[in-house]
N, C-alpha and C. Protein backbone atom coordinates (compact mmCIF):
# COMPACT_ATOMS: atom_id res chain seq x y z
N UNK A 1 54.96 150.10 174.87
CA UNK A 1 53.99 150.96 174.25
C UNK A 1 54.65 152.07 173.45
N UNK A 2 55.96 152.03 173.36
CA UNK A 2 56.68 153.03 172.58
C UNK A 2 57.47 152.32 171.49
N UNK A 3 57.71 153.02 170.41
CA UNK A 3 58.58 152.53 169.36
C UNK A 3 59.86 153.35 169.43
N UNK A 4 60.96 152.67 169.62
CA UNK A 4 62.24 153.37 169.70
C UNK A 4 62.63 153.88 168.33
N UNK A 5 63.41 154.92 168.33
CA UNK A 5 63.93 155.43 167.07
C UNK A 5 65.31 156.03 167.31
N UNK A 6 66.15 155.87 166.35
CA UNK A 6 67.48 156.46 166.43
C UNK A 6 67.58 157.67 165.53
N UNK A 7 66.44 158.12 165.01
CA UNK A 7 66.44 159.17 164.02
C UNK A 7 65.76 160.42 164.55
N UNK A 8 66.29 161.56 164.19
CA UNK A 8 65.64 162.83 164.47
C UNK A 8 65.90 163.37 165.86
N UNK A 9 65.95 164.68 165.95
CA UNK A 9 66.19 165.35 167.23
C UNK A 9 64.90 165.59 167.98
N UNK A 10 63.78 165.66 167.28
CA UNK A 10 62.50 165.94 167.91
C UNK A 10 61.84 164.65 168.34
N UNK A 11 61.65 164.49 169.61
CA UNK A 11 61.00 163.30 170.15
C UNK A 11 59.70 163.73 170.82
N UNK A 12 58.77 162.83 170.94
CA UNK A 12 57.51 163.14 171.59
C UNK A 12 57.13 162.05 172.56
N UNK A 13 56.43 162.44 173.61
CA UNK A 13 55.85 161.49 174.54
C UNK A 13 54.35 161.70 174.44
N UNK A 14 53.64 160.65 174.05
CA UNK A 14 52.25 160.78 173.70
C UNK A 14 51.33 160.13 174.73
N UNK A 15 50.04 160.32 174.56
CA UNK A 15 49.03 159.92 175.53
C UNK A 15 49.09 158.47 175.98
N UNK A 16 49.28 157.55 175.05
CA UNK A 16 49.31 156.13 175.41
C UNK A 16 50.47 155.84 176.35
N UNK A 17 51.61 156.45 176.09
CA UNK A 17 52.78 156.26 176.95
C UNK A 17 52.52 156.84 178.34
N UNK A 18 51.94 158.04 178.40
CA UNK A 18 51.61 158.65 179.69
C UNK A 18 50.64 157.77 180.47
N UNK A 19 49.61 157.26 179.79
CA UNK A 19 48.63 156.40 180.46
C UNK A 19 49.29 155.14 180.99
N UNK A 20 50.18 154.54 180.22
CA UNK A 20 50.88 153.34 180.65
C UNK A 20 51.74 153.63 181.88
N UNK A 21 52.48 154.73 181.85
CA UNK A 21 53.33 155.09 182.99
C UNK A 21 52.50 155.31 184.25
N UNK A 22 51.36 155.98 184.11
CA UNK A 22 50.48 156.21 185.26
C UNK A 22 49.90 154.90 185.78
N UNK A 23 49.42 154.05 184.85
CA UNK A 23 48.75 152.81 185.25
C UNK A 23 49.67 151.82 185.95
N UNK A 24 50.96 151.88 185.66
CA UNK A 24 51.88 150.96 186.34
C UNK A 24 52.03 151.32 187.81
N UNK A 25 51.72 152.58 188.13
CA UNK A 25 51.87 153.03 189.51
C UNK A 25 53.31 153.38 189.87
N UNK A 26 54.20 153.23 188.94
CA UNK A 26 55.61 153.52 189.19
C UNK A 26 55.93 154.99 188.98
N UNK A 27 55.11 155.66 188.18
CA UNK A 27 55.41 157.04 187.82
C UNK A 27 54.19 157.93 188.02
N UNK A 28 54.43 159.16 188.37
CA UNK A 28 53.41 160.18 188.38
C UNK A 28 53.70 161.05 187.16
N UNK A 29 52.91 160.89 186.12
CA UNK A 29 53.15 161.58 184.86
C UNK A 29 52.46 162.94 184.88
N UNK A 30 53.19 163.96 184.45
CA UNK A 30 52.66 165.32 184.37
C UNK A 30 52.07 165.52 182.98
N UNK A 31 50.75 165.56 182.89
CA UNK A 31 50.05 165.66 181.60
C UNK A 31 50.31 166.97 180.87
N UNK A 32 50.90 167.96 181.51
CA UNK A 32 51.18 169.21 180.81
C UNK A 32 52.26 169.02 179.75
N UNK A 33 53.00 167.91 179.83
CA UNK A 33 54.03 167.64 178.83
C UNK A 33 53.54 166.68 177.75
N UNK A 34 52.27 166.32 177.80
CA UNK A 34 51.67 165.42 176.84
C UNK A 34 51.63 166.06 175.45
N UNK A 35 52.04 165.30 174.45
CA UNK A 35 51.98 165.76 173.07
C UNK A 35 50.95 164.93 172.33
N UNK A 36 50.48 165.42 171.22
CA UNK A 36 49.52 164.67 170.42
C UNK A 36 50.15 164.30 169.09
N UNK A 37 49.65 163.23 168.53
CA UNK A 37 50.10 162.79 167.22
C UNK A 37 48.92 162.19 166.48
N UNK A 38 48.95 162.24 165.20
CA UNK A 38 47.89 161.59 164.42
C UNK A 38 48.39 160.29 163.79
N UNK A 39 49.50 159.77 164.28
CA UNK A 39 50.07 158.52 163.77
C UNK A 39 49.08 157.38 164.04
N UNK A 40 48.57 156.77 163.00
CA UNK A 40 47.60 155.69 163.13
C UNK A 40 46.19 156.15 163.47
N UNK A 41 45.95 157.45 163.45
CA UNK A 41 44.66 158.01 163.84
C UNK A 41 43.54 157.49 162.95
N UNK A 42 42.50 156.98 163.58
CA UNK A 42 41.31 156.44 162.93
C UNK A 42 41.63 155.34 161.90
N UNK A 43 42.68 154.56 162.16
CA UNK A 43 43.04 153.47 161.25
C UNK A 43 42.37 152.15 161.66
N UNK A 44 41.80 152.10 162.85
CA UNK A 44 41.11 150.91 163.30
C UNK A 44 42.04 149.83 163.83
N UNK A 45 41.45 148.72 164.21
CA UNK A 45 42.20 147.62 164.82
C UNK A 45 43.23 147.01 163.87
N UNK A 46 42.94 147.03 162.58
CA UNK A 46 43.87 146.41 161.63
C UNK A 46 45.22 147.14 161.61
N UNK A 47 45.24 148.40 162.02
CA UNK A 47 46.51 149.12 162.09
C UNK A 47 47.45 148.46 163.10
N UNK A 48 46.89 147.95 164.18
CA UNK A 48 47.69 147.31 165.23
C UNK A 48 47.82 145.81 164.98
N UNK A 49 46.77 145.18 164.50
CA UNK A 49 46.75 143.73 164.40
C UNK A 49 47.33 143.17 163.11
N UNK A 50 47.18 143.87 161.99
CA UNK A 50 47.69 143.37 160.71
C UNK A 50 49.14 143.76 160.52
N UNK A 51 49.83 142.99 159.75
CA UNK A 51 51.23 143.33 159.43
C UNK A 51 51.25 144.47 158.42
N UNK A 52 52.31 145.24 158.44
CA UNK A 52 52.41 146.38 157.52
C UNK A 52 52.45 145.94 156.07
N UNK A 53 52.84 144.72 155.81
CA UNK A 53 52.93 144.23 154.44
C UNK A 53 51.70 143.40 154.06
N UNK A 54 50.62 143.50 154.87
CA UNK A 54 49.39 142.78 154.56
C UNK A 54 48.65 143.48 153.43
N UNK A 55 47.48 142.96 153.11
CA UNK A 55 46.68 143.57 152.04
C UNK A 55 46.19 144.97 152.43
N UNK A 56 46.14 145.25 153.74
CA UNK A 56 45.76 146.58 154.20
C UNK A 56 47.01 147.45 154.19
N UNK A 57 46.94 148.55 153.49
CA UNK A 57 48.12 149.42 153.46
C UNK A 57 47.81 150.71 154.19
N UNK A 58 48.80 151.22 154.87
CA UNK A 58 48.68 152.45 155.64
C UNK A 58 49.78 153.41 155.22
N UNK A 59 49.48 154.69 155.13
CA UNK A 59 50.51 155.65 154.70
C UNK A 59 51.66 155.82 155.69
N UNK A 60 51.50 155.33 156.91
CA UNK A 60 52.58 155.42 157.88
C UNK A 60 53.74 154.49 157.53
N UNK A 61 53.46 153.44 156.76
CA UNK A 61 54.47 152.49 156.35
C UNK A 61 54.84 152.74 154.89
N UNK A 62 56.03 152.37 154.52
CA UNK A 62 56.47 152.62 153.16
C UNK A 62 57.15 151.39 152.58
N UNK A 63 57.36 151.41 151.31
CA UNK A 63 58.02 150.34 150.59
C UNK A 63 59.35 150.89 150.10
N UNK A 64 60.44 150.34 150.59
CA UNK A 64 61.77 150.85 150.25
C UNK A 64 61.98 150.91 148.74
N UNK A 65 61.56 149.88 148.03
CA UNK A 65 61.79 149.82 146.58
C UNK A 65 61.06 150.94 145.84
N UNK A 66 59.83 151.23 146.23
CA UNK A 66 59.07 152.24 145.49
C UNK A 66 59.12 153.62 146.13
N UNK A 67 59.77 153.74 147.29
CA UNK A 67 59.80 155.03 147.99
C UNK A 67 61.18 155.67 148.01
N UNK A 68 62.07 155.22 147.14
CA UNK A 68 63.40 155.81 147.08
C UNK A 68 63.29 157.27 146.68
N UNK A 69 63.94 158.15 147.43
CA UNK A 69 63.91 159.60 147.20
C UNK A 69 62.51 160.20 147.30
N UNK A 70 61.68 159.65 148.17
CA UNK A 70 60.36 160.21 148.44
C UNK A 70 60.41 160.83 149.82
N UNK A 71 60.07 162.11 149.91
CA UNK A 71 60.04 162.75 151.22
C UNK A 71 58.60 162.92 151.67
N UNK A 72 58.44 163.02 152.96
CA UNK A 72 57.13 163.21 153.56
C UNK A 72 57.31 164.08 154.79
N UNK A 73 56.22 164.40 155.45
CA UNK A 73 56.29 165.14 156.71
C UNK A 73 55.99 164.17 157.85
N UNK A 74 56.63 164.40 159.01
CA UNK A 74 56.29 163.62 160.19
C UNK A 74 54.82 163.81 160.49
N UNK A 75 54.23 162.85 161.19
CA UNK A 75 52.81 162.98 161.53
C UNK A 75 52.56 164.18 162.44
N UNK A 76 53.58 164.63 163.15
CA UNK A 76 53.45 165.84 163.98
C UNK A 76 53.74 167.10 163.19
N UNK A 77 54.25 166.95 161.99
CA UNK A 77 54.65 168.04 161.08
C UNK A 77 55.82 168.86 161.62
N UNK A 78 56.59 168.28 162.54
CA UNK A 78 57.78 168.96 163.09
C UNK A 78 59.02 168.72 162.24
N UNK A 79 58.96 167.79 161.31
CA UNK A 79 60.15 167.50 160.53
C UNK A 79 59.85 166.78 159.23
N UNK A 80 60.88 166.65 158.42
CA UNK A 80 60.80 165.97 157.13
C UNK A 80 61.25 164.53 157.31
N UNK A 81 60.66 163.62 156.54
CA UNK A 81 60.97 162.21 156.66
C UNK A 81 61.26 161.59 155.29
N UNK A 82 61.93 160.45 155.34
CA UNK A 82 62.13 159.62 154.15
C UNK A 82 61.90 158.17 154.56
N UNK A 83 61.58 157.34 153.59
CA UNK A 83 61.38 155.91 153.86
C UNK A 83 62.73 155.32 154.25
N UNK A 84 62.74 154.64 155.39
CA UNK A 84 64.01 154.17 155.93
C UNK A 84 63.88 152.74 156.42
N UNK A 85 64.67 151.85 155.85
CA UNK A 85 64.64 150.45 156.25
C UNK A 85 65.31 150.25 157.61
N UNK A 86 66.30 151.08 157.96
CA UNK A 86 66.96 150.93 159.27
C UNK A 86 65.97 151.16 160.40
N UNK A 87 65.02 152.07 160.21
CA UNK A 87 64.02 152.34 161.23
C UNK A 87 63.14 151.11 161.46
N UNK A 88 63.02 150.25 160.45
CA UNK A 88 62.14 149.08 160.57
C UNK A 88 62.64 148.10 161.62
N UNK A 89 63.91 148.17 161.97
CA UNK A 89 64.44 147.28 163.01
C UNK A 89 63.73 147.51 164.33
N UNK A 90 63.19 148.71 164.53
CA UNK A 90 62.51 149.04 165.77
C UNK A 90 61.00 149.14 165.59
N UNK A 91 60.51 148.75 164.44
CA UNK A 91 59.07 148.84 164.19
C UNK A 91 58.53 147.55 163.57
N UNK A 92 58.89 146.43 164.17
CA UNK A 92 58.38 145.13 163.75
C UNK A 92 58.68 144.83 162.28
N UNK A 93 59.86 145.24 161.82
CA UNK A 93 60.33 145.02 160.45
C UNK A 93 59.48 145.74 159.40
N UNK A 94 58.77 146.75 159.80
CA UNK A 94 57.97 147.55 158.87
C UNK A 94 58.74 148.80 158.51
N UNK A 95 59.12 148.98 157.24
CA UNK A 95 59.78 150.23 156.86
C UNK A 95 58.83 151.40 157.13
N UNK A 96 59.36 152.43 157.76
CA UNK A 96 58.55 153.59 158.11
C UNK A 96 59.24 154.85 157.62
N UNK A 97 58.47 155.92 157.57
CA UNK A 97 59.05 157.22 157.25
C UNK A 97 59.77 157.72 158.48
N UNK A 98 61.08 157.83 158.40
CA UNK A 98 61.91 158.24 159.53
C UNK A 98 62.40 159.67 159.32
N UNK A 99 62.46 160.46 160.39
CA UNK A 99 62.91 161.85 160.27
C UNK A 99 64.33 161.95 159.72
N UNK A 100 64.55 162.92 158.85
CA UNK A 100 65.91 163.20 158.41
C UNK A 100 66.26 164.67 158.57
N UNK A 101 65.28 165.56 158.75
CA UNK A 101 65.54 166.95 159.10
C UNK A 101 64.43 167.44 160.00
N UNK A 102 64.81 168.14 161.06
CA UNK A 102 63.84 168.71 161.98
C UNK A 102 63.54 170.15 161.58
N UNK A 103 62.28 170.44 161.33
CA UNK A 103 61.89 171.81 160.96
C UNK A 103 62.05 172.77 162.13
N UNK A 104 61.90 172.26 163.35
CA UNK A 104 61.89 173.14 164.53
C UNK A 104 63.26 173.30 165.17
N UNK A 105 64.28 172.73 164.57
CA UNK A 105 65.64 172.85 165.10
C UNK A 105 66.42 173.85 164.25
N UNK A 106 66.70 175.05 164.80
CA UNK A 106 67.42 176.06 164.01
C UNK A 106 68.79 175.60 163.52
N UNK A 107 69.38 174.61 164.19
CA UNK A 107 70.68 174.10 163.76
C UNK A 107 70.56 173.08 162.64
N UNK A 108 69.34 172.67 162.34
CA UNK A 108 69.11 171.72 161.27
C UNK A 108 68.93 172.48 159.96
N UNK A 109 69.31 171.87 158.89
CA UNK A 109 69.04 172.45 157.58
C UNK A 109 69.23 171.37 156.54
N UNK A 110 68.60 171.57 155.42
CA UNK A 110 68.73 170.64 154.31
C UNK A 110 69.58 171.35 153.26
N UNK A 111 70.90 171.25 153.36
CA UNK A 111 71.77 172.02 152.48
C UNK A 111 71.59 171.69 151.00
N UNK A 112 71.04 170.52 150.71
CA UNK A 112 70.85 170.17 149.31
C UNK A 112 69.76 170.97 148.63
N UNK A 113 68.68 171.28 149.38
CA UNK A 113 67.54 171.94 148.75
C UNK A 113 67.18 173.28 149.37
N UNK A 114 67.60 173.55 150.59
CA UNK A 114 67.19 174.77 151.29
C UNK A 114 67.38 176.05 150.48
N UNK A 115 68.51 176.24 149.83
CA UNK A 115 68.67 177.49 149.06
C UNK A 115 67.68 177.62 147.90
N UNK A 116 67.13 176.53 147.45
CA UNK A 116 66.25 176.55 146.28
C UNK A 116 64.76 176.52 146.64
N UNK A 117 64.44 176.21 147.90
CA UNK A 117 63.04 176.04 148.29
C UNK A 117 62.59 177.12 149.27
N UNK A 118 63.46 178.06 149.61
CA UNK A 118 63.14 179.16 150.54
C UNK A 118 62.79 178.67 151.93
N UNK A 119 63.28 177.49 152.30
CA UNK A 119 62.95 176.93 153.61
C UNK A 119 63.68 177.68 154.73
N UNK A 120 63.09 177.60 155.91
CA UNK A 120 63.70 178.16 157.12
C UNK A 120 63.44 177.19 158.27
N UNK A 121 64.47 176.90 159.01
CA UNK A 121 64.38 175.98 160.14
C UNK A 121 64.42 176.81 161.41
N UNK A 122 63.31 176.82 162.16
CA UNK A 122 63.23 177.60 163.39
C UNK A 122 62.22 176.95 164.31
N UNK A 123 62.17 177.41 165.55
CA UNK A 123 61.23 176.84 166.51
C UNK A 123 59.78 177.12 166.11
N UNK A 124 59.58 178.01 165.14
CA UNK A 124 58.22 178.29 164.68
C UNK A 124 57.99 177.79 163.25
N UNK A 125 58.76 176.79 162.82
CA UNK A 125 58.57 176.23 161.48
C UNK A 125 57.73 174.97 161.54
N UNK A 126 57.15 174.63 160.41
CA UNK A 126 56.23 173.50 160.29
C UNK A 126 56.49 172.84 158.95
N UNK A 127 56.36 171.53 158.87
CA UNK A 127 56.53 170.81 157.61
C UNK A 127 55.22 170.85 156.83
N UNK A 128 55.32 171.23 155.57
CA UNK A 128 54.17 171.25 154.67
C UNK A 128 54.57 170.58 153.35
N UNK A 129 53.58 170.17 152.59
CA UNK A 129 53.83 169.60 151.28
C UNK A 129 53.81 170.72 150.25
N UNK A 130 54.86 170.80 149.46
CA UNK A 130 54.97 171.88 148.49
C UNK A 130 55.85 171.44 147.33
N UNK A 131 55.62 172.02 146.18
CA UNK A 131 56.48 171.79 145.03
C UNK A 131 57.25 173.06 144.68
N UNK A 132 57.20 174.05 145.57
CA UNK A 132 57.88 175.31 145.35
C UNK A 132 59.39 175.10 145.28
N UNK A 133 60.01 175.70 144.31
CA UNK A 133 61.45 175.62 144.18
C UNK A 133 61.94 176.43 142.99
N UNK A 134 63.16 176.97 143.11
CA UNK A 134 63.73 177.76 142.02
C UNK A 134 64.37 176.89 140.95
N UNK A 135 64.74 175.69 141.30
CA UNK A 135 65.35 174.76 140.35
C UNK A 135 64.52 173.49 140.32
N UNK A 136 64.76 172.67 139.34
CA UNK A 136 64.06 171.41 139.27
C UNK A 136 64.53 170.50 140.40
N UNK A 137 63.61 170.13 141.22
CA UNK A 137 63.85 169.24 142.36
C UNK A 137 63.04 167.98 142.07
N UNK A 138 63.55 166.82 142.43
CA UNK A 138 62.76 165.61 142.16
C UNK A 138 61.32 165.79 142.64
N UNK A 139 60.34 165.45 141.82
CA UNK A 139 58.94 165.68 142.18
C UNK A 139 58.49 164.87 143.40
N UNK A 140 59.30 163.92 143.82
CA UNK A 140 58.95 163.13 145.00
C UNK A 140 59.45 163.78 146.29
N UNK A 141 60.28 164.81 146.17
CA UNK A 141 60.81 165.51 147.35
C UNK A 141 59.92 166.73 147.62
N UNK A 142 58.80 166.52 148.28
CA UNK A 142 57.80 167.58 148.43
C UNK A 142 57.66 168.11 149.85
N UNK A 143 58.42 167.62 150.80
CA UNK A 143 58.29 168.16 152.16
C UNK A 143 59.18 169.39 152.30
N UNK A 144 58.63 170.43 152.91
CA UNK A 144 59.34 171.70 153.09
C UNK A 144 59.09 172.23 154.50
N UNK A 145 60.07 172.97 155.04
CA UNK A 145 59.96 173.58 156.36
C UNK A 145 59.81 175.09 156.20
N UNK A 146 58.68 175.62 156.66
CA UNK A 146 58.42 177.06 156.59
C UNK A 146 57.93 177.57 157.93
N UNK A 147 58.39 178.77 158.34
CA UNK A 147 57.89 179.38 159.57
C UNK A 147 56.41 179.74 159.42
N UNK A 148 55.69 179.68 160.53
CA UNK A 148 54.26 179.99 160.50
C UNK A 148 53.85 180.72 161.77
N UNK A 149 52.73 181.41 161.68
CA UNK A 149 52.10 182.06 162.82
C UNK A 149 50.62 181.72 162.75
N UNK A 150 50.06 181.22 163.85
CA UNK A 150 48.64 180.88 163.89
C UNK A 150 47.83 182.09 164.33
N UNK A 151 46.78 182.38 163.60
CA UNK A 151 45.81 183.39 163.98
C UNK A 151 44.53 182.72 164.42
N UNK A 152 43.51 183.49 164.74
CA UNK A 152 42.24 182.90 165.17
C UNK A 152 41.52 182.17 164.04
N UNK A 153 41.70 182.64 162.82
CA UNK A 153 41.02 181.98 161.70
C UNK A 153 41.96 181.71 160.52
N UNK A 154 43.26 181.75 160.78
CA UNK A 154 44.20 181.54 159.67
C UNK A 154 45.56 181.11 160.19
N UNK A 155 46.36 180.63 159.27
CA UNK A 155 47.77 180.34 159.51
C UNK A 155 48.53 181.11 158.44
N UNK A 156 49.55 181.85 158.85
CA UNK A 156 50.35 182.61 157.90
C UNK A 156 51.73 181.99 157.82
N UNK A 157 52.11 181.53 156.63
CA UNK A 157 53.43 180.95 156.40
C UNK A 157 54.32 182.01 155.77
N UNK A 158 55.59 182.02 156.17
CA UNK A 158 56.57 182.90 155.55
C UNK A 158 57.43 182.06 154.63
N UNK A 159 57.43 182.42 153.36
CA UNK A 159 58.21 181.70 152.36
C UNK A 159 59.07 182.72 151.65
N UNK A 160 60.36 182.71 151.98
CA UNK A 160 61.25 183.73 151.46
C UNK A 160 60.82 185.09 151.98
N UNK A 161 60.57 186.03 151.10
CA UNK A 161 60.11 187.37 151.51
C UNK A 161 58.60 187.50 151.42
N UNK A 162 57.90 186.40 151.16
CA UNK A 162 56.45 186.44 151.00
C UNK A 162 55.74 185.86 152.22
N UNK A 163 54.54 186.33 152.48
CA UNK A 163 53.65 185.77 153.49
C UNK A 163 52.46 185.17 152.78
N UNK A 164 52.15 183.93 153.10
CA UNK A 164 51.02 183.22 152.49
C UNK A 164 50.03 182.93 153.60
N UNK A 165 48.80 183.39 153.44
CA UNK A 165 47.77 183.18 154.46
C UNK A 165 46.86 182.03 154.05
N UNK A 166 46.71 181.08 154.95
CA UNK A 166 45.79 179.95 154.76
C UNK A 166 44.64 180.14 155.73
N UNK A 167 43.43 180.25 155.19
CA UNK A 167 42.26 180.48 156.02
C UNK A 167 41.70 179.15 156.52
N UNK A 168 41.26 179.15 157.79
CA UNK A 168 40.59 177.96 158.35
C UNK A 168 39.22 177.86 157.72
N UNK A 169 38.84 176.65 157.38
CA UNK A 169 37.50 176.49 156.78
C UNK A 169 36.55 175.81 157.74
């Protein structure tokens, strides 16, 4: 019920895995460590039953040929991803967006773009889609890591010396 990955420092244990561990009777799973993900959320049965290369396409899967130098955010928004064929070895030969930088790991950084995109990698950072940058960056590299603080009706992102408030609607 899990897909192995050799990529990224941030790992998650999600509800289906916890339920499986409990149902086997071999483990007593502590639900306080349960994480949530929107991977495959509301995609229906075809997400599980159809092949990733079928006529049904899902944004969780990518095409190596057309996704070269395309960045995305993890479904948990904890890190930045790129289309990776090596990850497909563990996902039924389906190329998937695999993590290449963790936003929540202070030791992680994207030295190629970080100085130009005002990114910050910290335990309070989140991956967002942005075209912000001081230099021309490939338009397909749109994932960025910015620190945030959640309020009751807003999220405030820190980008360089600026604070950007996003109101909940």
